[in-house]
């Protein structure tokens, strides 16, 4: 089995940054986390029921500045409890190239305790891409993976939007994601015209390589490296915007989508096509979350079937269930408009619908199988043009929301608490 990795500091040099910048980047390693809690943490802890708190703009990364907002990324924030922060990944405006010259296939970390940005990977540099291909610093390996000359995988335009494709392996401390566009793709590729020559060379290499089954992508916290390896089995059909979930107690990934369910076992690097029973979810790009009490994954169908749009995938039974809850359901929505998370202490799904016919905060009671809400957003609260990039901090009992324009660096972070825990 081949395991490939990329050291961010090496990437910085290859992408055109200075040696001193790379050295400085090392000082922001996630190994220094968690940070001591700032004064704002006490304010979040003091939040009452249904209260919002503006934390202002996070401090910029000393080299790469601020992370930019991402549409189609309600779950572009991926909470890592042991680090007291969230990974931030996924592209925004199609084919966007940032003012610093890098594409928006970048990876960031939001340090909640210190209210600051840490750039882990600044993104592809189109200006140096062709030269790197010509020098064979970038090439397609025998398994069809884009790597550097040392065999380390290079994440060029792998994510597309975040959708539901991101999660965190809390057992191995790895940020994980699945790709929407293969190993690399010209589809809305930032800097494509600049990279045309190099892309043509890589595309010709693809024709002579295997189309191997590969693991999810990882960013390993301990090593500060990207990883991806050859896997066995089959993922089945994971089109139609699936949700990637890591199930800590089972130490495996489960990907649920309208066209199928796949299971990935990190222990043996194996994919299984689950062939689930029951009615498949309908609609386009569905928000959802994992219920740890019932061992099931919720999915809002997104097909305007209000009151019957919520479904659950029962992991043990390998069965999709149409829940048909009582109450007033939120309007159908997608990952550009809604964030869903399960609060195990309250035994509620908190569903923040940031826009649409009925914006506000809804809650689903699994025991009663009923919806409540919406709680409207405060007049003096955040203003949303699409879903805020959001995670749920289980220790603070608060949703952390990055509110920014699409691909703009005007982000403000808000904290929201639905209800205090007893």
Protein backbone atom coordinates (compact mmCIF):
# COMPACT_ATOMS: atom_id res chain seq x y z
CA UNK A 1 0.00 0.00 0.00
CA UNK A 2 1.31 3.44 -0.94
CA UNK A 3 0.80 6.28 1.50
CA UNK A 4 1.54 9.76 0.15
CA UNK A 5 2.10 12.96 2.07
CA UNK A 6 2.89 16.64 1.64
CA UNK A 7 4.70 18.86 4.15
CA UNK A 8 3.06 22.32 4.17
CA UNK A 9 6.38 24.16 4.63
CA UNK A 10 7.75 22.39 1.55
CA UNK A 11 4.61 23.35 -0.33
CA UNK A 12 5.07 26.99 0.63
CA UNK A 13 8.52 26.97 -0.94
CA UNK A 14 7.35 25.13 -4.04
CA UNK A 15 4.48 27.56 -4.45
CA UNK A 16 6.78 30.56 -4.44
CA UNK A 17 6.91 31.72 -0.81
CA UNK A 18 10.22 32.71 0.76
CA UNK A 19 12.24 30.46 3.06
CA UNK A 20 11.66 32.83 5.99
CA UNK A 21 7.89 32.66 5.37
CA UNK A 22 8.01 28.87 5.45
CA UNK A 23 9.98 28.92 8.67
CA UNK A 24 7.51 31.32 10.21
CA UNK A 25 4.65 29.10 9.07
CA UNK A 26 6.14 26.26 11.10
CA UNK A 27 5.68 28.32 14.24
CA UNK A 28 1.89 28.19 13.76
CA UNK A 29 1.86 24.36 13.76
CA UNK A 30 -1.27 22.79 15.21
CA UNK A 31 1.00 20.95 17.60
CA UNK A 32 0.95 24.11 19.73
CA UNK A 33 -2.80 23.85 20.25
CA UNK A 34 -5.03 24.23 22.11
CA UNK A 35 -4.29 27.87 22.80
CA UNK A 36 -5.05 29.44 26.17
CA UNK A 37 -8.67 30.65 26.17
CA UNK A 38 -9.13 34.36 25.50
CA UNK A 39 -11.58 36.67 27.25
CA UNK A 40 -14.21 36.02 24.56
CA UNK A 41 -14.55 32.40 25.72
CA UNK A 42 -16.11 33.56 28.97
CA UNK A 43 -18.63 35.63 27.02
CA UNK A 44 -19.62 32.60 24.94
CA UNK A 45 -20.04 30.52 28.09
CA UNK A 46 -22.35 33.21 29.50
CA UNK A 47 -24.74 33.12 26.53
CA UNK A 48 -28.38 32.50 27.37
CA UNK A 49 -30.99 30.65 25.36
CA UNK A 50 -31.35 31.69 21.71
CA UNK A 51 -28.63 34.33 21.96
CA UNK A 52 -26.09 35.52 19.38
CA UNK A 53 -22.72 37.08 20.15
CA UNK A 54 -20.41 38.85 17.69
CA UNK A 55 -16.75 37.98 18.22
CA UNK A 56 -15.58 40.32 15.46
CA UNK A 57 -13.00 39.53 12.80
CA UNK A 58 -10.44 36.85 13.73
CA UNK A 59 -6.77 37.81 13.82
CA UNK A 60 -5.09 37.25 10.47
CA UNK A 61 -2.44 34.63 9.80
CA UNK A 62 0.90 36.52 9.93
CA UNK A 63 1.86 35.36 6.42
CA UNK A 64 -1.29 34.57 4.48
CA UNK A 65 -3.84 36.92 6.01
CA UNK A 66 -7.50 35.96 6.46
CA UNK A 67 -9.54 33.02 5.24
CA UNK A 68 -12.26 34.00 2.82
CA UNK A 69 -15.95 33.15 2.95
CA UNK A 70 -17.24 30.10 1.05
CA UNK A 71 -20.70 29.63 -0.44
CA UNK A 72 -22.07 26.08 -0.55
CA UNK A 73 -20.23 25.41 2.68
CA UNK A 74 -22.45 25.43 5.77
CA UNK A 75 -20.19 22.64 7.07
CA UNK A 76 -16.96 24.06 5.67
CA UNK A 77 -16.04 24.50 9.36
CA UNK A 78 -15.06 21.10 10.82
CA UNK A 79 -14.73 21.09 14.60
CA UNK A 80 -11.73 19.38 16.22
CA UNK A 81 -12.45 19.17 19.92
CA UNK A 82 -8.92 18.24 21.00
CA UNK A 83 -7.50 21.29 19.22
CA UNK A 84 -10.25 23.70 20.31
CA UNK A 85 -10.84 24.90 16.79
CA UNK A 86 -12.13 24.09 13.33
CA UNK A 87 -10.63 23.22 9.96
CA UNK A 88 -11.88 25.42 7.11
CA UNK A 89 -11.86 24.10 3.57
CA UNK A 90 -13.74 24.27 0.27
CA UNK A 91 -13.84 26.65 -2.65
CA UNK A 92 -16.09 29.68 -3.09
CA UNK A 93 -16.54 31.66 -6.30
CA UNK A 94 -15.90 29.34 -9.22
CA UNK A 95 -12.34 29.48 -10.62
CA UNK A 96 -11.42 32.13 -8.04
CA UNK A 97 -7.80 33.22 -7.73
CA UNK A 98 -7.08 35.20 -4.57
CA UNK A 99 -5.28 38.55 -4.60
CA UNK A 100 -2.15 36.77 -3.31
CA UNK A 101 -2.05 34.80 -6.60
CA UNK A 102 -3.14 31.43 -5.19
CA UNK A 103 -6.29 29.51 -6.04
CA UNK A 104 -8.90 29.02 -3.34
CA UNK A 105 -8.17 25.31 -2.80
CA UNK A 106 -6.51 26.41 0.44
CA UNK A 107 -6.78 24.89 3.94
CA UNK A 108 -7.15 26.93 7.13
CA UNK A 109 -7.69 26.39 10.83
CA UNK A 110 -9.76 28.68 13.03
CA UNK A 111 -8.35 28.71 16.57
CA UNK A 112 -11.46 29.29 18.70
CA UNK A 113 -9.61 29.93 21.95
CA UNK A 114 -7.35 32.58 20.40
CA UNK A 115 -9.88 33.83 17.80
CA UNK A 116 -7.32 33.69 14.99
CA UNK A 117 -6.68 32.18 11.58
CA UNK A 118 -3.90 29.68 10.89
CA UNK A 119 -3.13 28.95 7.25
CA UNK A 120 -2.13 25.31 6.76
CA UNK A 121 -1.91 25.41 2.95
CA UNK A 122 -2.20 28.62 0.88
CA UNK A 123 -3.55 26.93 -2.25
CA UNK A 124 -2.24 26.22 -5.75
CA UNK A 125 0.02 28.83 -7.33
CA UNK A 126 -0.89 28.99 -11.06
CA UNK A 127 2.21 31.09 -11.84
CA UNK A 128 4.62 28.27 -10.96
CA UNK A 129 2.45 25.32 -11.99
CA UNK A 130 3.72 24.79 -15.57
CA UNK A 131 7.34 25.09 -14.49
CA UNK A 132 6.85 22.51 -11.76
CA UNK A 133 5.28 20.07 -14.22
CA UNK A 134 8.09 20.62 -16.74
CA UNK A 135 10.68 19.90 -14.03
CA UNK A 136 8.69 16.78 -12.99
CA UNK A 137 8.08 18.29 -9.59
CA UNK A 138 4.42 17.53 -10.29
CA UNK A 139 3.41 14.28 -11.99
CA UNK A 140 0.80 11.52 -12.05
CA UNK A 141 1.95 8.41 -10.19
CA UNK A 142 1.19 4.80 -11.19
CA UNK A 143 -2.13 4.90 -9.34
CA UNK A 144 -3.45 8.01 -11.06
CA UNK A 145 -2.69 10.34 -8.11
CA UNK A 146 -1.20 13.79 -8.65
CA UNK A 147 2.01 13.91 -6.58
CA UNK A 148 5.23 15.82 -6.27
CA UNK A 149 8.61 14.32 -7.19
CA UNK A 150 8.88 12.71 -3.74
CA UNK A 151 5.58 10.88 -4.14
CA UNK A 152 3.59 13.22 -1.91
CA UNK A 153 -0.01 13.88 -3.05
CA UNK A 154 -0.75 17.45 -4.10
CA UNK A 155 -4.30 18.72 -3.48
CA UNK A 156 -4.95 20.79 -6.63
CA UNK A 157 -8.65 21.72 -6.97
CA UNK A 158 -9.70 18.52 -5.22
CA UNK A 159 -12.60 19.77 -3.15
CA UNK A 160 -14.82 22.02 -5.23
CA UNK A 161 -17.29 23.47 -2.75
CA UNK A 162 -17.33 21.99 0.73
CA UNK A 163 -20.93 20.73 0.53
CA UNK A 164 -21.02 17.84 3.04
CA UNK A 165 -17.67 16.37 1.99
CA UNK A 166 -15.62 17.19 5.10
CA UNK A 167 -15.22 15.61 8.54
CA UNK A 168 -12.67 15.00 11.33
CA UNK A 169 -11.22 11.65 12.37
CA UNK A 170 -11.05 12.26 16.12
CA UNK A 171 -9.38 8.91 16.81
CA UNK A 172 -6.39 9.51 14.54
CA UNK A 173 -6.50 13.32 14.65
CA UNK A 174 -6.89 13.80 10.91
CA UNK A 175 -9.01 16.26 8.98
CA UNK A 176 -10.63 14.28 6.16
CA UNK A 177 -12.44 15.02 2.93
CA UNK A 178 -13.62 13.29 -0.21
CA UNK A 179 -13.21 14.80 -3.64
CA UNK A 180 -15.89 16.10 -5.93
CA UNK A 181 -13.72 16.33 -9.04
CA UNK A 182 -11.26 13.42 -9.05
CA UNK A 183 -7.55 14.04 -8.58
CA UNK A 184 -7.62 17.24 -10.57
CA UNK A 185 -10.10 18.74 -12.98
CA UNK A 186 -10.43 21.74 -15.27
CA UNK A 187 -14.02 22.24 -14.16
CA UNK A 188 -14.06 25.80 -12.75
CA UNK A 189 -10.34 25.49 -12.04
CA UNK A 190 -8.80 28.68 -10.74
CA UNK A 191 -5.90 29.81 -12.97
CA UNK A 192 -6.71 27.24 -15.68
CA UNK A 193 -5.46 29.38 -18.57
CA UNK A 194 -2.13 29.96 -16.86
CA UNK A 195 -1.77 26.25 -16.14
CA UNK A 196 -2.92 24.95 -19.53
CA UNK A 197 0.48 23.68 -20.65
CA UNK A 198 1.12 21.78 -17.45
CA UNK A 199 -2.41 20.41 -17.33
CA UNK A 200 -2.07 18.98 -20.83
CA UNK A 201 1.08 17.13 -19.80
CA UNK A 202 -0.59 15.72 -16.69
CA UNK A 203 -3.70 14.73 -18.64
CA UNK A 204 -1.55 12.77 -21.06
CA UNK A 205 0.06 10.97 -18.11
CA UNK A 206 -3.37 10.04 -16.74
CA UNK A 207 -4.11 8.07 -19.91
CA UNK A 208 -1.29 5.61 -19.13
CA UNK A 209 -1.92 5.20 -15.39
CA UNK A 210 -4.22 3.03 -13.30
CA UNK A 211 -7.52 4.43 -12.10
CA UNK A 212 -6.98 3.13 -8.57
CA UNK A 213 -9.44 3.19 -5.71
CA UNK A 214 -8.11 5.67 -3.16
CA UNK A 215 -8.78 6.53 0.46
CA UNK A 216 -10.26 9.86 1.55
CA UNK A 217 -7.82 12.76 1.66
CA UNK A 218 -6.37 13.55 5.09
CA UNK A 219 -4.50 16.35 6.74
CA UNK A 220 -2.62 14.75 9.63
CA UNK A 221 -2.40 17.01 12.68
CA UNK A 222 0.67 15.32 14.19
CA UNK A 223 2.83 15.51 11.07
CA UNK A 224 1.30 18.54 9.39
CA UNK A 225 1.08 16.60 6.12
CA UNK A 226 -1.53 15.67 3.54
CA UNK A 227 -2.11 11.95 3.07
CA UNK A 228 -3.92 9.71 0.62
CA UNK A 229 -3.40 6.03 -0.06
CA UNK A 230 -4.44 3.23 -2.37
CA UNK A 231 -7.52 1.43 -1.02
CA UNK A 232 -9.44 -1.74 -1.77
CA UNK A 233 -13.11 -2.36 -2.41
CA UNK A 234 -15.63 -0.09 -4.08
CA UNK A 235 -17.25 3.20 -3.13
CA UNK A 236 -20.28 2.54 -5.33
CA UNK A 237 -22.13 5.56 -6.66
CA UNK A 238 -21.51 8.63 -4.50
CA UNK A 239 -22.77 11.30 -6.85
CA UNK A 240 -25.52 13.75 -5.86
CA UNK A 241 -23.65 15.55 -3.08
CA UNK A 242 -23.18 12.97 -0.31
CA UNK A 243 -22.42 13.64 3.36
CA UNK A 244 -19.14 12.36 4.78
CA UNK A 245 -19.41 11.35 8.45
CA UNK A 246 -16.78 10.00 10.83
CA UNK A 247 -18.30 7.74 13.51
CA UNK A 248 -15.88 7.81 16.50
CA UNK A 249 -17.22 4.78 18.37
CA UNK A 250 -17.00 2.68 15.22
CA UNK A 251 -13.76 4.23 13.94
CA UNK A 252 -14.99 4.37 10.38
CA UNK A 253 -16.36 6.77 7.79
CA UNK A 254 -19.88 6.55 6.41
CA UNK A 255 -20.83 8.45 3.28
CA UNK A 256 -24.56 8.82 2.62
CA UNK A 257 -26.04 10.11 -0.61
CA UNK A 258 -29.10 9.90 -2.82
CA UNK A 259 -27.44 7.27 -5.00
CA UNK A 260 -25.91 5.09 -2.31
CA UNK A 261 -24.09 4.61 0.98
CA UNK A 262 -20.40 3.75 1.29
CA UNK A 263 -18.35 2.72 4.33
CA UNK A 264 -14.62 3.26 4.65
CA UNK A 265 -12.59 1.37 7.25
CA UNK A 266 -9.27 3.14 8.00
CA UNK A 267 -7.97 0.04 9.82
CA UNK A 268 -7.73 -1.95 6.58
CA UNK A 269 -8.10 0.89 4.07
CA UNK A 270 -11.21 -0.68 2.55
CA UNK A 271 -14.33 0.77 0.91
CA UNK A 272 -17.65 -1.11 0.99
CA UNK A 273 -20.75 -0.33 -1.03
CA UNK A 274 -23.52 -0.76 1.57
CA UNK A 275 -26.45 -1.15 -0.87
CA UNK A 276 -28.91 0.32 1.67
CA UNK A 277 -32.55 -0.73 1.88
CA UNK A 278 -35.53 1.58 1.96
CA UNK A 279 -36.44 4.71 -0.01
CA UNK A 280 -33.45 6.78 -1.12
CA UNK A 281 -33.29 10.49 -0.28
CA UNK A 282 -34.48 12.83 -2.99
CA UNK A 283 -33.53 16.34 -3.97
CA UNK A 284 -30.36 18.26 -4.55
CA UNK A 285 -27.54 18.70 -2.02
CA UNK A 286 -29.01 17.85 1.37
CA UNK A 287 -27.89 19.11 4.80
CA UNK A 288 -27.76 16.59 7.63
CA UNK A 289 -25.96 15.29 10.73
CA UNK A 290 -25.18 12.20 12.84
CA UNK A 291 -27.33 11.21 15.85
CA UNK A 292 -24.98 9.47 18.30
CA UNK A 293 -27.79 8.19 20.55
CA UNK A 294 -29.66 6.37 17.80
CA UNK A 295 -26.69 5.65 15.55
CA UNK A 296 -28.32 7.19 12.52
CA UNK A 297 -27.65 9.96 10.05
CA UNK A 298 -30.29 12.54 9.24
CA UNK A 299 -30.78 13.97 5.78
CA UNK A 300 -33.12 16.77 4.76
CA UNK A 301 -34.19 15.78 1.28
CA UNK A 302 -34.19 19.29 -0.11
CA UNK A 303 -37.11 18.54 -2.43
CA UNK A 304 -39.81 20.84 -0.98
CA UNK A 305 -41.70 17.96 0.66
CA UNK A 306 -42.19 19.94 3.87
CA UNK A 307 -43.11 17.81 6.86
CA UNK A 308 -41.92 14.65 5.09
CA UNK A 309 -38.53 15.79 3.85
CA UNK A 310 -36.50 14.56 6.83
CA UNK A 311 -35.04 11.09 6.50
CA UNK A 312 -32.72 8.97 8.61
CA UNK A 313 -30.20 6.33 7.62
CA UNK A 314 -30.14 3.63 10.33
CA UNK A 315 -26.54 2.42 10.34
CA UNK A 316 -27.14 -0.94 12.08
CA UNK A 317 -30.12 -1.84 9.90
CA UNK A 318 -28.57 -0.36 6.74
CA UNK A 319 -31.96 1.20 6.11
CA UNK A 320 -33.28 4.57 4.99
CA UNK A 321 -36.37 5.65 6.95
CA UNK A 322 -38.84 8.37 5.96
CA UNK A 323 -39.51 9.99 9.34
CA UNK A 324 -42.57 12.13 8.46
CA UNK A 325 -42.25 14.28 11.60
CA UNK A 326 -45.07 16.33 13.09
CA UNK A 327 -44.94 20.09 13.50
CA UNK A 328 -43.98 22.81 11.06
CA UNK A 329 -40.91 21.62 9.17
CA UNK A 330 -38.35 24.03 7.74
CA UNK A 331 -38.55 24.65 4.03
CA UNK A 332 -36.40 22.38 1.90
CA UNK A 333 -32.84 23.63 1.74
CA UNK A 334 -29.26 22.68 0.87
CA UNK A 335 -25.72 23.20 2.17
CA UNK A 336 -25.79 26.75 0.80
CA UNK A 337 -28.69 27.60 3.05
CA UNK A 338 -28.79 25.43 6.18
CA UNK A 339 -26.63 23.87 8.91
CA UNK A 340 -27.75 20.79 10.89
CA UNK A 341 -26.11 19.43 14.05
CA UNK A 342 -27.21 16.99 16.73
CA UNK A 343 -26.86 18.03 20.38
CA UNK A 344 -26.64 14.77 22.35
CA UNK A 345 -27.16 16.44 25.74
CA UNK A 346 -30.40 18.09 24.66
CA UNK A 347 -31.29 15.21 22.34
CA UNK A 348 -32.21 17.68 19.62
CA UNK A 349 -31.19 18.39 16.06
CA UNK A 350 -30.52 22.11 15.80
CA UNK A 351 -31.18 23.24 12.23
CA UNK A 352 -30.17 26.79 11.35
CA UNK A 353 -31.82 27.89 8.11
CA UNK A 354 -29.97 31.03 7.14
CA UNK A 355 -32.22 32.14 4.27
CA UNK A 356 -35.26 31.11 2.21
CA UNK A 357 -38.99 31.26 2.94
CA UNK A 358 -38.68 30.70 6.69
CA UNK A 359 -35.21 31.62 7.96
CA UNK A 360 -34.44 31.01 11.59
CA UNK A 361 -33.55 28.23 14.01
CA UNK A 362 -35.61 25.04 13.97
CA UNK A 363 -35.19 22.03 16.26
CA UNK A 364 -36.12 18.42 15.68
CA UNK A 365 -37.03 16.19 18.65
CA UNK A 366 -36.16 12.60 17.67
CA UNK A 367 -38.10 11.06 20.57
CA UNK A 368 -41.31 12.91 19.75
CA UNK A 369 -40.53 12.91 16.01
CA UNK A 370 -41.54 16.55 15.74
CA UNK A 371 -40.25 19.93 14.61
CA UNK A 372 -40.32 23.19 16.57
CA UNK A 373 -39.61 26.71 15.40
CA UNK A 374 -38.55 28.82 13.79
CA UNK A 375 -36.83 31.14 16.22
CA UNK A 376 -36.21 34.29 14.15
CA UNK A 377 -32.81 35.90 13.86
CA UNK A 378 -32.38 39.09 15.92
CA UNK A 379 -32.64 42.41 14.10
CA UNK A 380 -29.18 43.40 15.32
CA UNK A 381 -27.72 39.95 14.61
CA UNK A 382 -25.72 38.64 11.66
CA UNK A 383 -26.90 39.17 8.07
CA UNK A 384 -26.72 36.14 5.75
CA UNK A 385 -26.60 36.03 1.96
CA UNK A 386 -26.02 32.26 2.14
CA UNK A 387 -25.29 29.76 4.90
CA UNK A 388 -22.60 30.85 7.33
CA UNK A 389 -19.61 28.52 7.57
CA UNK A 390 -20.57 26.84 10.83
CA UNK A 391 -19.50 24.22 13.36
CA UNK A 392 -20.87 23.17 16.74
CA UNK A 393 -18.48 23.48 19.70
CA UNK A 394 -19.74 20.79 22.07
CA UNK A 395 -17.66 22.10 24.99
CA UNK A 396 -19.00 25.64 24.74
CA UNK A 397 -22.48 24.44 23.71
CA UNK A 398 -22.43 26.99 20.92
CA UNK A 399 -22.48 27.14 17.17
CA UNK A 400 -19.52 29.07 15.79
CA UNK A 401 -20.49 30.86 12.56
CA UNK A 402 -18.13 32.52 10.09
CA UNK A 403 -20.20 35.13 8.24
CA UNK A 404 -18.53 36.55 5.12
CA UNK A 405 -19.16 37.33 1.48
CA UNK A 406 -18.40 34.57 -1.00
CA UNK A 407 -14.60 34.49 -1.43
CA UNK A 408 -14.31 37.80 0.46
CA UNK A 409 -12.02 38.37 3.46
CA UNK A 410 -14.58 40.43 5.41
CA UNK A 411 -15.49 37.60 7.77
CA UNK A 412 -16.99 38.13 11.22
CA UNK A 413 -17.36 35.21 13.63
CA UNK A 414 -20.55 34.89 15.64
CA UNK A 415 -21.38 32.48 18.45
CA UNK A 416 -24.93 31.18 18.87
CA UNK A 417 -26.52 29.13 21.65
CA UNK A 418 -29.86 27.49 21.15
CA UNK A 419 -30.37 26.41 24.76
CA UNK A 420 -28.24 26.13 27.86
CA UNK A 421 -27.43 22.67 29.18
CA UNK A 422 -28.63 21.94 32.72
